[in-house]
Amino acid sequence: MRRAIAYPVMVVSGLGVIACFLLHVASFFESPEFGQRLFPKLFIGLLIVWLPTVLLMNGLTRDFRQRDLWKAALRGCPGWMQKTLWAIWGYVFFAAFVLPFLRGSNPGASPCGFVIFPAVFYSTSFGVMYSLLHADEIDAGRRCLNGHLISPLAKFCEECGAPTAPDSRNSATT
């Protein structure tokens, strides 16, 4: 059931990220009304992806501490995907708050920042859904140096105290 939900949500999320960036670039060349007309349409997709993302993310992170929420939620993602997600978050902050100041305007006056803002939610949704699809195989392959199975975010074996094996797929720390 989770896979049946995750794949369509990933598709809509991926399209949402692409649409946000395309509209963001286009908003530099179009009139301010351009972003204001299209901005509400981006939120329709957010309604579609965000509720399943939050509900399914709760299942991914249920057995973890609050401070490990993002490590647990994104543990099925490869390291490059996690870094890309954080880069998108950083760029959205830059585009929404810093870029308008550099251009000499108020952050709320520029449609460029508003059009890119939903990319945070779309990219997070994509990452969580990808992780949901791959977390089980990552978790099953984690072993210590002595070959014991260890929990998904553990750095040391609960059975013998040995560190995580270097070849163990540990996407939470990469």
N, C-alpha and C. Protein backbone atom coordinates (compact mmCIF):
# COMPACT_ATOMS: atom_id res chain seq x y z
N MET A 1 0.83 -1.20 0.00
CA MET A 1 0.00 0.00 0.00
C MET A 1 0.87 1.26 0.00
N ARG A 2 1.96 1.21 0.81
CA ARG A 2 2.84 2.38 0.89
C ARG A 2 3.47 2.67 -0.47
N ARG A 3 3.87 1.64 -1.18
CA ARG A 3 4.49 1.83 -2.50
C ARG A 3 3.49 2.40 -3.50
N ALA A 4 2.25 1.97 -3.40
CA ALA A 4 1.22 2.47 -4.31
C ALA A 4 0.98 3.96 -4.11
N ILE A 5 1.20 4.43 -2.92
CA ILE A 5 1.05 5.86 -2.63
C ILE A 5 2.35 6.60 -2.95
N ALA A 6 3.49 5.98 -2.62
CA ALA A 6 4.79 6.67 -2.73
C ALA A 6 5.14 7.03 -4.17
N TYR A 7 4.92 6.14 -5.12
CA TYR A 7 5.32 6.43 -6.50
C TYR A 7 4.57 7.62 -7.10
N PRO A 8 3.23 7.68 -7.02
CA PRO A 8 2.55 8.86 -7.56
C PRO A 8 2.93 10.16 -6.84
N VAL A 9 3.13 10.07 -5.53
CA VAL A 9 3.52 11.27 -4.77
C VAL A 9 4.90 11.73 -5.23
N MET A 10 5.81 10.78 -5.48
CA MET A 10 7.14 11.15 -5.98
C MET A 10 7.05 11.84 -7.34
N VAL A 11 6.20 11.34 -8.21
CA VAL A 11 6.06 11.94 -9.54
C VAL A 11 5.54 13.37 -9.42
N VAL A 12 4.49 13.56 -8.65
CA VAL A 12 3.92 14.91 -8.48
C VAL A 12 4.94 15.82 -7.80
N SER A 13 5.68 15.30 -6.83
CA SER A 13 6.70 16.10 -6.13
C SER A 13 7.82 16.50 -7.09
N GLY A 14 8.28 15.57 -7.88
CA GLY A 14 9.34 15.89 -8.85
C GLY A 14 8.89 16.93 -9.85
N LEU A 15 7.67 16.77 -10.35
CA LEU A 15 7.13 17.77 -11.27
C LEU A 15 6.96 19.12 -10.59
N GLY A 16 6.59 19.10 -9.31
CA GLY A 16 6.43 20.34 -8.55
C GLY A 16 7.74 21.08 -8.38
N VAL A 17 8.82 20.34 -8.09
CA VAL A 17 10.14 20.97 -7.95
C VAL A 17 10.55 21.61 -9.27
N ILE A 18 10.38 20.87 -10.35
CA ILE A 18 10.74 21.38 -11.68
C ILE A 18 9.91 22.62 -12.02
N ALA A 19 8.60 22.55 -11.75
CA ALA A 19 7.72 23.69 -12.04
C ALA A 19 8.13 24.91 -11.22
N CYS A 20 8.47 24.71 -9.96
CA CYS A 20 8.88 25.84 -9.11
C CYS A 20 10.13 26.51 -9.66
N PHE A 21 11.11 25.72 -10.06
CA PHE A 21 12.34 26.32 -10.57
C PHE A 21 12.13 26.98 -11.93
N LEU A 22 11.31 26.36 -12.79
CA LEU A 22 11.03 26.99 -14.08
C LEU A 22 10.29 28.31 -13.91
N LEU A 23 9.29 28.32 -13.04
CA LEU A 23 8.54 29.55 -12.78
C LEU A 23 9.41 30.58 -12.09
N HIS A 24 10.31 30.14 -11.25
CA HIS A 24 11.23 31.06 -10.58
C HIS A 24 12.11 31.77 -11.61
N VAL A 25 12.68 31.02 -12.52
CA VAL A 25 13.52 31.62 -13.56
C VAL A 25 12.68 32.53 -14.46
N ALA A 26 11.49 32.07 -14.83
CA ALA A 26 10.63 32.86 -15.71
C ALA A 26 10.17 34.14 -15.03
N SER A 27 10.03 34.12 -13.70
CA SER A 27 9.55 35.32 -13.00
C SER A 27 10.56 36.46 -13.04
N PHE A 28 11.82 36.16 -13.34
CA PHE A 28 12.81 37.23 -13.49
C PHE A 28 12.57 38.02 -14.77
N PHE A 29 11.96 37.38 -15.77
CA PHE A 29 11.79 37.99 -17.07
C PHE A 29 10.37 38.45 -17.36
N GLU A 30 9.43 38.02 -16.55
CA GLU A 30 8.02 38.36 -16.76
C GLU A 30 7.60 39.47 -15.79
N SER A 31 6.37 39.89 -15.95
CA SER A 31 5.81 40.92 -15.07
C SER A 31 5.49 40.31 -13.70
N PRO A 32 5.35 41.14 -12.66
CA PRO A 32 5.03 40.63 -11.33
C PRO A 32 3.71 39.86 -11.28
N GLU A 33 2.78 40.19 -12.17
CA GLU A 33 1.50 39.48 -12.18
C GLU A 33 1.67 38.02 -12.59
N PHE A 34 2.73 37.72 -13.33
CA PHE A 34 3.01 36.36 -13.77
C PHE A 34 3.11 35.42 -12.58
N GLY A 35 3.93 35.77 -11.60
CA GLY A 35 4.09 34.94 -10.42
C GLY A 35 2.85 34.89 -9.56
N GLN A 36 2.13 36.00 -9.49
CA GLN A 36 0.93 36.04 -8.66
C GLN A 36 -0.18 35.18 -9.23
N ARG A 37 -0.25 35.05 -10.55
CA ARG A 37 -1.27 34.20 -11.17
C ARG A 37 -0.95 32.72 -11.01
N LEU A 38 0.31 32.35 -11.14
CA LEU A 38 0.69 30.95 -11.13
C LEU A 38 0.97 30.40 -9.73
N PHE A 39 1.25 31.27 -8.79
CA PHE A 39 1.59 30.84 -7.45
C PHE A 39 0.50 29.98 -6.81
N PRO A 40 -0.78 30.34 -6.88
CA PRO A 40 -1.81 29.49 -6.28
C PRO A 40 -1.88 28.08 -6.90
N LYS A 41 -1.52 27.96 -8.15
CA LYS A 41 -1.56 26.66 -8.80
C LYS A 41 -0.51 25.71 -8.22
N LEU A 42 0.60 26.26 -7.76
CA LEU A 42 1.63 25.42 -7.14
C LEU A 42 1.14 24.81 -5.83
N PHE A 43 0.25 25.51 -5.16
CA PHE A 43 -0.24 25.00 -3.88
C PHE A 43 -1.23 23.87 -4.03
N ILE A 44 -1.85 23.74 -5.15
CA ILE A 44 -2.75 22.61 -5.39
C ILE A 44 -1.94 21.31 -5.33
N GLY A 45 -0.78 21.31 -5.95
CA GLY A 45 0.09 20.14 -5.89
C GLY A 45 0.58 19.86 -4.49
N LEU A 46 0.83 20.92 -3.71
CA LEU A 46 1.27 20.72 -2.33
C LEU A 46 0.21 20.01 -1.50
N LEU A 47 -1.03 20.34 -1.74
CA LEU A 47 -2.11 19.66 -1.03
C LEU A 47 -2.12 18.17 -1.36
N ILE A 48 -1.79 17.84 -2.59
CA ILE A 48 -1.79 16.44 -3.02
C ILE A 48 -0.63 15.68 -2.38
N VAL A 49 0.54 16.28 -2.28
CA VAL A 49 1.71 15.54 -1.82
C VAL A 49 1.99 15.64 -0.33
N TRP A 50 1.62 16.71 0.30
CA TRP A 50 2.10 16.92 1.66
C TRP A 50 1.39 16.04 2.69
N LEU A 51 0.11 15.81 2.59
CA LEU A 51 -0.59 14.97 3.56
C LEU A 51 -0.05 13.54 3.54
N PRO A 52 0.07 12.89 2.37
CA PRO A 52 0.67 11.55 2.40
C PRO A 52 2.11 11.55 2.88
N THR A 53 2.84 12.60 2.59
CA THR A 53 4.24 12.67 3.04
C THR A 53 4.31 12.68 4.56
N VAL A 54 3.51 13.51 5.19
CA VAL A 54 3.54 13.60 6.65
C VAL A 54 3.08 12.29 7.28
N LEU A 55 2.03 11.71 6.76
CA LEU A 55 1.52 10.46 7.33
C LEU A 55 2.51 9.31 7.16
N LEU A 56 3.09 9.17 5.99
CA LEU A 56 4.04 8.09 5.76
C LEU A 56 5.37 8.35 6.45
N MET A 57 5.75 9.61 6.61
CA MET A 57 6.98 9.94 7.32
C MET A 57 6.87 9.56 8.79
N ASN A 58 5.68 9.66 9.35
CA ASN A 58 5.48 9.24 10.74
C ASN A 58 5.82 7.76 10.90
N GLY A 59 5.47 6.94 9.93
CA GLY A 59 5.81 5.53 9.98
C GLY A 59 7.31 5.29 9.87
N LEU A 60 7.99 6.10 9.08
CA LEU A 60 9.45 5.97 8.92
C LEU A 60 10.21 6.37 10.18
N THR A 61 9.68 7.30 10.92
CA THR A 61 10.41 7.88 12.05
C THR A 61 9.85 7.50 13.42
N ARG A 62 8.89 6.62 13.44
CA ARG A 62 8.18 6.28 14.68
C ARG A 62 9.13 5.82 15.80
N ASP A 63 10.12 5.01 15.49
CA ASP A 63 10.98 4.41 16.51
C ASP A 63 12.25 5.21 16.79
N PHE A 64 12.30 6.46 16.34
CA PHE A 64 13.50 7.26 16.49
C PHE A 64 13.23 8.48 17.36
N ARG A 65 14.30 9.01 17.93
CA ARG A 65 14.19 10.22 18.74
C ARG A 65 13.90 11.41 17.85
N GLN A 66 13.32 12.44 18.42
CA GLN A 66 12.94 13.64 17.68
C GLN A 66 14.16 14.30 17.03
N ARG A 67 15.28 14.30 17.73
CA ARG A 67 16.47 14.95 17.18
C ARG A 67 17.02 14.21 15.96
N ASP A 68 16.65 12.96 15.78
CA ASP A 68 17.09 12.16 14.63
C ASP A 68 16.02 12.09 13.54
N LEU A 69 15.04 12.96 13.61
CA LEU A 69 13.90 12.90 12.69
C LEU A 69 14.34 12.90 11.22
N TRP A 70 15.17 13.85 10.81
CA TRP A 70 15.55 13.94 9.39
C TRP A 70 16.49 12.82 8.99
N LYS A 71 17.37 12.40 9.88
CA LYS A 71 18.23 11.25 9.58
C LYS A 71 17.38 10.01 9.34
N ALA A 72 16.39 9.83 10.19
CA ALA A 72 15.51 8.66 10.06
C ALA A 72 14.63 8.76 8.81
N ALA A 73 14.10 9.93 8.57
CA ALA A 73 13.18 10.09 7.44
C ALA A 73 13.89 9.96 6.10
N LEU A 74 15.16 10.35 6.04
CA LEU A 74 15.89 10.33 4.77
C LEU A 74 16.95 9.23 4.71
N ARG A 75 16.87 8.25 5.61
CA ARG A 75 17.91 7.22 5.66
C ARG A 75 17.94 6.33 4.42
N GLY A 76 16.87 6.27 3.66
CA GLY A 76 16.84 5.47 2.45
C GLY A 76 17.36 6.21 1.22
N CYS A 77 17.69 7.48 1.38
CA CYS A 77 18.20 8.29 0.27
C CYS A 77 19.71 8.20 0.20
N PRO A 78 20.27 8.16 -1.01
CA PRO A 78 21.73 8.23 -1.11
C PRO A 78 22.23 9.60 -0.64
N GLY A 79 23.50 9.66 -0.30
CA GLY A 79 24.08 10.90 0.23
C GLY A 79 23.91 12.09 -0.70
N TRP A 80 24.08 11.88 -2.00
CA TRP A 80 23.96 13.00 -2.94
C TRP A 80 22.54 13.56 -2.94
N MET A 81 21.54 12.69 -2.73
CA MET A 81 20.16 13.15 -2.73
C MET A 81 19.88 13.98 -1.47
N GLN A 82 20.42 13.56 -0.35
CA GLN A 82 20.26 14.33 0.88
C GLN A 82 20.92 15.70 0.75
N LYS A 83 22.11 15.73 0.17
CA LYS A 83 22.81 17.00 -0.02
C LYS A 83 22.06 17.91 -0.98
N THR A 84 21.47 17.33 -2.01
CA THR A 84 20.67 18.11 -2.96
C THR A 84 19.45 18.70 -2.28
N LEU A 85 18.82 17.93 -1.42
CA LEU A 85 17.67 18.43 -0.67
C LEU A 85 18.06 19.63 0.18
N TRP A 86 19.18 19.53 0.91
CA TRP A 86 19.60 20.65 1.75
C TRP A 86 20.03 21.84 0.89
N ALA A 87 20.59 21.57 -0.28
CA ALA A 87 20.96 22.68 -1.19
C ALA A 87 19.71 23.40 -1.69
N ILE A 88 18.66 22.67 -1.99
CA ILE A 88 17.40 23.29 -2.41
C ILE A 88 16.85 24.16 -1.28
N TRP A 89 16.87 23.65 -0.07
CA TRP A 89 16.41 24.43 1.08
C TRP A 89 17.22 25.72 1.20
N GLY A 90 18.53 25.60 1.06
CA GLY A 90 19.39 26.78 1.16
C GLY A 90 19.13 27.78 0.05
N TYR A 91 18.96 27.28 -1.18
CA TYR A 91 18.70 28.19 -2.29
C TYR A 91 17.35 28.89 -2.13
N VAL A 92 16.34 28.17 -1.66
CA VAL A 92 15.02 28.79 -1.46
C VAL A 92 15.12 29.89 -0.42
N PHE A 93 15.83 29.64 0.66
CA PHE A 93 16.02 30.70 1.66
C PHE A 93 16.72 31.90 1.04
N PHE A 94 17.78 31.62 0.26
CA PHE A 94 18.52 32.69 -0.41
C PHE A 94 17.61 33.46 -1.37
N ALA A 95 16.85 32.74 -2.20
CA ALA A 95 16.01 33.38 -3.22
C ALA A 95 14.84 34.15 -2.60
N ALA A 96 14.31 33.63 -1.49
CA ALA A 96 13.13 34.26 -0.89
C ALA A 96 13.47 35.43 0.02
N PHE A 97 14.63 35.38 0.66
CA PHE A 97 14.93 36.41 1.65
C PHE A 97 16.16 37.26 1.32
N VAL A 98 17.23 36.65 0.84
CA VAL A 98 18.47 37.38 0.60
C VAL A 98 18.47 38.08 -0.76
N LEU A 99 18.08 37.38 -1.80
CA LEU A 99 18.09 37.92 -3.16
C LEU A 99 17.28 39.21 -3.29
N PRO A 100 16.08 39.30 -2.71
CA PRO A 100 15.35 40.58 -2.81
C PRO A 100 16.11 41.74 -2.17
N PHE A 101 16.80 41.50 -1.06
CA PHE A 101 17.59 42.57 -0.45
C PHE A 101 18.73 42.99 -1.35
N LEU A 102 19.36 42.02 -2.00
CA LEU A 102 20.46 42.34 -2.92
C LEU A 102 19.97 43.13 -4.12
N ARG A 103 18.71 42.90 -4.51
CA ARG A 103 18.13 43.63 -5.63
C ARG A 103 17.52 44.95 -5.20
N GLY A 104 17.56 45.23 -3.89
CA GLY A 104 17.07 46.50 -3.38
C GLY A 104 15.56 46.56 -3.19
N SER A 105 14.94 45.43 -2.93
CA SER A 105 13.49 45.43 -2.71
C SER A 105 13.15 44.67 -1.44
N ASN A 106 11.91 44.74 -1.07
CA ASN A 106 11.38 44.04 0.08
C ASN A 106 11.18 42.57 -0.28
N PRO A 107 11.49 41.61 0.62
CA PRO A 107 11.30 40.20 0.28
C PRO A 107 9.86 39.85 -0.13
N GLY A 108 8.89 40.54 0.41
CA GLY A 108 7.50 40.25 0.06
C GLY A 108 7.07 40.84 -1.27
N ALA A 109 7.85 41.76 -1.82
CA ALA A 109 7.46 42.44 -3.06
C ALA A 109 7.83 41.67 -4.32
N SER A 110 8.74 40.73 -4.20
CA SER A 110 9.24 40.02 -5.37
C SER A 110 8.52 38.69 -5.55
N PRO A 111 7.95 38.44 -6.73
CA PRO A 111 7.30 37.15 -6.97
C PRO A 111 8.31 36.00 -7.10
N CYS A 112 9.57 36.33 -7.37
CA CYS A 112 10.60 35.29 -7.55
C CYS A 112 10.72 34.42 -6.31
N GLY A 113 10.74 35.05 -5.15
CA GLY A 113 10.88 34.31 -3.90
C GLY A 113 9.67 33.48 -3.57
N PHE A 114 8.50 34.01 -3.84
CA PHE A 114 7.29 33.26 -3.53
C PHE A 114 7.09 32.06 -4.45
N VAL A 115 7.46 32.19 -5.69
CA VAL A 115 7.27 31.10 -6.63
C VAL A 115 8.20 29.93 -6.31
N ILE A 116 9.38 30.20 -5.78
CA ILE A 116 10.33 29.14 -5.48
C ILE A 116 10.05 28.48 -4.12
N PHE A 117 9.34 29.14 -3.24
CA PHE A 117 9.12 28.65 -1.88
C PHE A 117 8.51 27.25 -1.81
N PRO A 118 7.51 26.89 -2.61
CA PRO A 118 6.97 25.52 -2.52
C PRO A 118 7.97 24.43 -2.87
N ALA A 119 9.09 24.77 -3.50
CA ALA A 119 10.10 23.76 -3.83
C ALA A 119 10.63 23.08 -2.58
N VAL A 120 10.63 23.76 -1.45
CA VAL A 120 11.06 23.15 -0.19
C VAL A 120 10.17 21.96 0.13
N PHE A 121 8.88 22.14 0.03
CA PHE A 121 7.94 21.08 0.37
C PHE A 121 7.94 19.97 -0.67
N TYR A 122 7.99 20.35 -1.93
CA TYR A 122 8.04 19.33 -2.99
C TYR A 122 9.31 18.48 -2.89
N SER A 123 10.46 19.11 -2.68
CA SER A 123 11.71 18.35 -2.62
C SER A 123 11.75 17.47 -1.37
N THR A 124 11.25 17.97 -0.25
CA THR A 124 11.19 17.16 0.96
C THR A 124 10.29 15.96 0.76
N SER A 125 9.16 16.19 0.13
CA SER A 125 8.24 15.09 -0.15
C SER A 125 8.89 14.04 -1.04
N PHE A 126 9.60 14.49 -2.07
CA PHE A 126 10.28 13.55 -2.96
C PHE A 126 11.31 12.73 -2.18
N GLY A 127 12.10 13.37 -1.35
CA GLY A 127 13.12 12.67 -0.57
C GLY A 127 12.53 11.67 0.40
N VAL A 128 11.47 12.05 1.08
CA VAL A 128 10.84 11.15 2.05
C VAL A 128 10.22 9.95 1.33
N MET A 129 9.58 10.18 0.21
CA MET A 129 8.99 9.06 -0.53
C MET A 129 10.06 8.12 -1.08
N TYR A 130 11.15 8.67 -1.58
CA TYR A 130 12.26 7.84 -2.05
C TYR A 130 12.81 7.01 -0.89
N SER A 131 13.00 7.65 0.24
CA SER A 131 13.50 6.96 1.43
C SER A 131 12.55 5.86 1.86
N LEU A 132 11.28 6.13 1.82
CA LEU A 132 10.27 5.13 2.19
C LEU A 132 10.41 3.88 1.33
N LEU A 133 10.68 4.07 0.06
CA LEU A 133 10.80 2.94 -0.86
C LEU A 133 12.08 2.15 -0.65
N HIS A 134 13.14 2.78 -0.12
CA HIS A 134 14.44 2.13 -0.03
C HIS A 134 14.95 1.92 1.39
N ALA A 135 14.25 2.38 2.39
CA ALA A 135 14.75 2.29 3.78
C ALA A 135 14.87 0.85 4.25
N ASP A 136 13.95 -0.01 3.85
CA ASP A 136 14.00 -1.40 4.32
C ASP A 136 15.26 -2.11 3.86
N GLU A 137 15.64 -1.90 2.61
CA GLU A 137 16.85 -2.56 2.11
C GLU A 137 18.11 -1.97 2.74
N ILE A 138 18.10 -0.68 3.04
CA ILE A 138 19.23 -0.05 3.72
C ILE A 138 19.33 -0.59 5.14
N ASP A 139 18.19 -0.64 5.84
CA ASP A 139 18.17 -1.11 7.22
C ASP A 139 18.61 -2.57 7.32
N ALA A 140 18.20 -3.41 6.39
CA ALA A 140 18.52 -4.84 6.43
C ALA A 140 20.01 -5.10 6.18
N GLY A 141 20.69 -4.19 5.50
CA GLY A 141 22.09 -4.39 5.17
C GLY A 141 23.07 -3.82 6.17
N ARG A 142 22.62 -3.18 7.22
CA ARG A 142 23.53 -2.55 8.18
C ARG A 142 24.07 -3.57 9.17
N ARG A 143 25.38 -3.66 9.23
CA ARG A 143 26.05 -4.61 10.11
C ARG A 143 27.23 -3.95 10.80
N CYS A 144 27.65 -4.55 11.91
CA CYS A 144 28.85 -4.09 12.59
C CYS A 144 30.06 -4.81 11.99
N LEU A 145 31.24 -4.50 12.49
CA LEU A 145 32.46 -5.14 11.99
C LEU A 145 32.47 -6.65 12.24
N ASN A 146 31.72 -7.09 13.25
CA ASN A 146 31.65 -8.52 13.55
C ASN A 146 30.49 -9.22 12.83
N GLY A 147 29.75 -8.49 12.00
CA GLY A 147 28.69 -9.09 11.20
C GLY A 147 27.31 -9.11 11.81
N HIS A 148 27.13 -8.52 12.99
CA HIS A 148 25.81 -8.48 13.61
C HIS A 148 24.94 -7.42 12.94
N LEU A 149 23.66 -7.70 12.84
CA LEU A 149 22.73 -6.69 12.34
C LEU A 149 22.62 -5.57 13.38
N ILE A 150 22.58 -4.32 12.90
CA ILE A 150 22.43 -3.19 13.82
C ILE A 150 21.27 -2.31 13.37
N SER A 151 20.79 -1.51 14.28
CA SER A 151 19.64 -0.65 13.98
C SER A 151 20.02 0.44 12.98
N PRO A 152 19.04 1.06 12.34
CA PRO A 152 19.29 1.97 11.22
C PRO A 152 20.22 3.15 11.48
N LEU A 153 20.16 3.77 12.64
CA LEU A 153 20.99 4.95 12.89
C LEU A 153 22.13 4.69 13.87
N ALA A 154 22.29 3.44 14.30
CA ALA A 154 23.32 3.11 15.28
C ALA A 154 24.71 3.29 14.68
N LYS A 155 25.63 3.80 15.49
CA LYS A 155 27.03 3.91 15.07
C LYS A 155 27.85 2.75 15.60
N PHE A 156 27.31 2.09 16.65
CA PHE A 156 27.98 0.95 17.25
C PHE A 156 26.97 -0.17 17.44
N CYS A 157 27.45 -1.39 17.42
CA CYS A 157 26.61 -2.58 17.57
C CYS A 157 26.03 -2.65 18.98
N GLU A 158 24.75 -2.93 19.08
CA GLU A 158 24.10 -3.06 20.37
C GLU A 158 24.49 -4.37 21.05
N GLU A 159 24.96 -5.35 20.27
CA GLU A 159 25.29 -6.67 20.81
C GLU A 159 26.74 -6.76 21.30
N CYS A 160 27.68 -6.25 20.51
CA CYS A 160 29.10 -6.41 20.86
C CYS A 160 29.85 -5.09 21.03
N GLY A 161 29.27 -3.98 20.63
CA GLY A 161 29.91 -2.68 20.78
C GLY A 161 30.85 -2.29 19.66
N ALA A 162 30.98 -3.13 18.65
CA ALA A 162 31.87 -2.83 17.52
C ALA A 162 31.25 -1.72 16.66
N PRO A 163 32.11 -0.94 16.00
CA PRO A 163 31.57 0.12 15.13
C PRO A 163 30.91 -0.45 13.88
N THR A 164 30.18 0.42 13.19
CA THR A 164 29.51 0.03 11.95
C THR A 164 30.55 -0.35 10.90
N ALA A 165 30.26 -1.39 10.16
CA ALA A 165 31.17 -1.83 9.11
C ALA A 165 31.26 -0.76 8.04
N PRO A 166 32.47 -0.49 7.51
CA PRO A 166 32.63 0.56 6.50
C PRO A 166 31.85 0.29 5.22
N ASP A 167 31.63 -0.96 4.87
CA ASP A 167 30.89 -1.26 3.65
C ASP A 167 29.39 -1.32 3.89
N SER A 168 28.98 -1.14 5.15
CA SER A 168 27.56 -1.13 5.48
C SER A 168 26.92 0.11 4.88
N ARG A 169 25.79 -0.07 4.21
CA ARG A 169 25.12 1.07 3.56
C ARG A 169 24.50 1.93 4.63
N ASN A 170 25.14 3.03 4.90
CA ASN A 170 24.68 3.94 5.94
C ASN A 170 24.47 5.30 5.34
N SER A 171 23.32 5.52 4.73
CA SER A 171 23.05 6.79 4.07
C SER A 171 22.73 7.90 5.04
N ALA A 172 22.46 7.58 6.31
CA ALA A 172 22.11 8.61 7.26
C ALA A 172 23.30 9.47 7.64
N THR A 173 24.53 8.94 7.50
CA THR A 173 25.69 9.71 7.89
C THR A 173 26.53 10.14 6.69
N THR A 174 26.15 9.79 5.48
CA THR A 174 26.91 10.20 4.30
C THR A 174 26.39 11.48 3.74
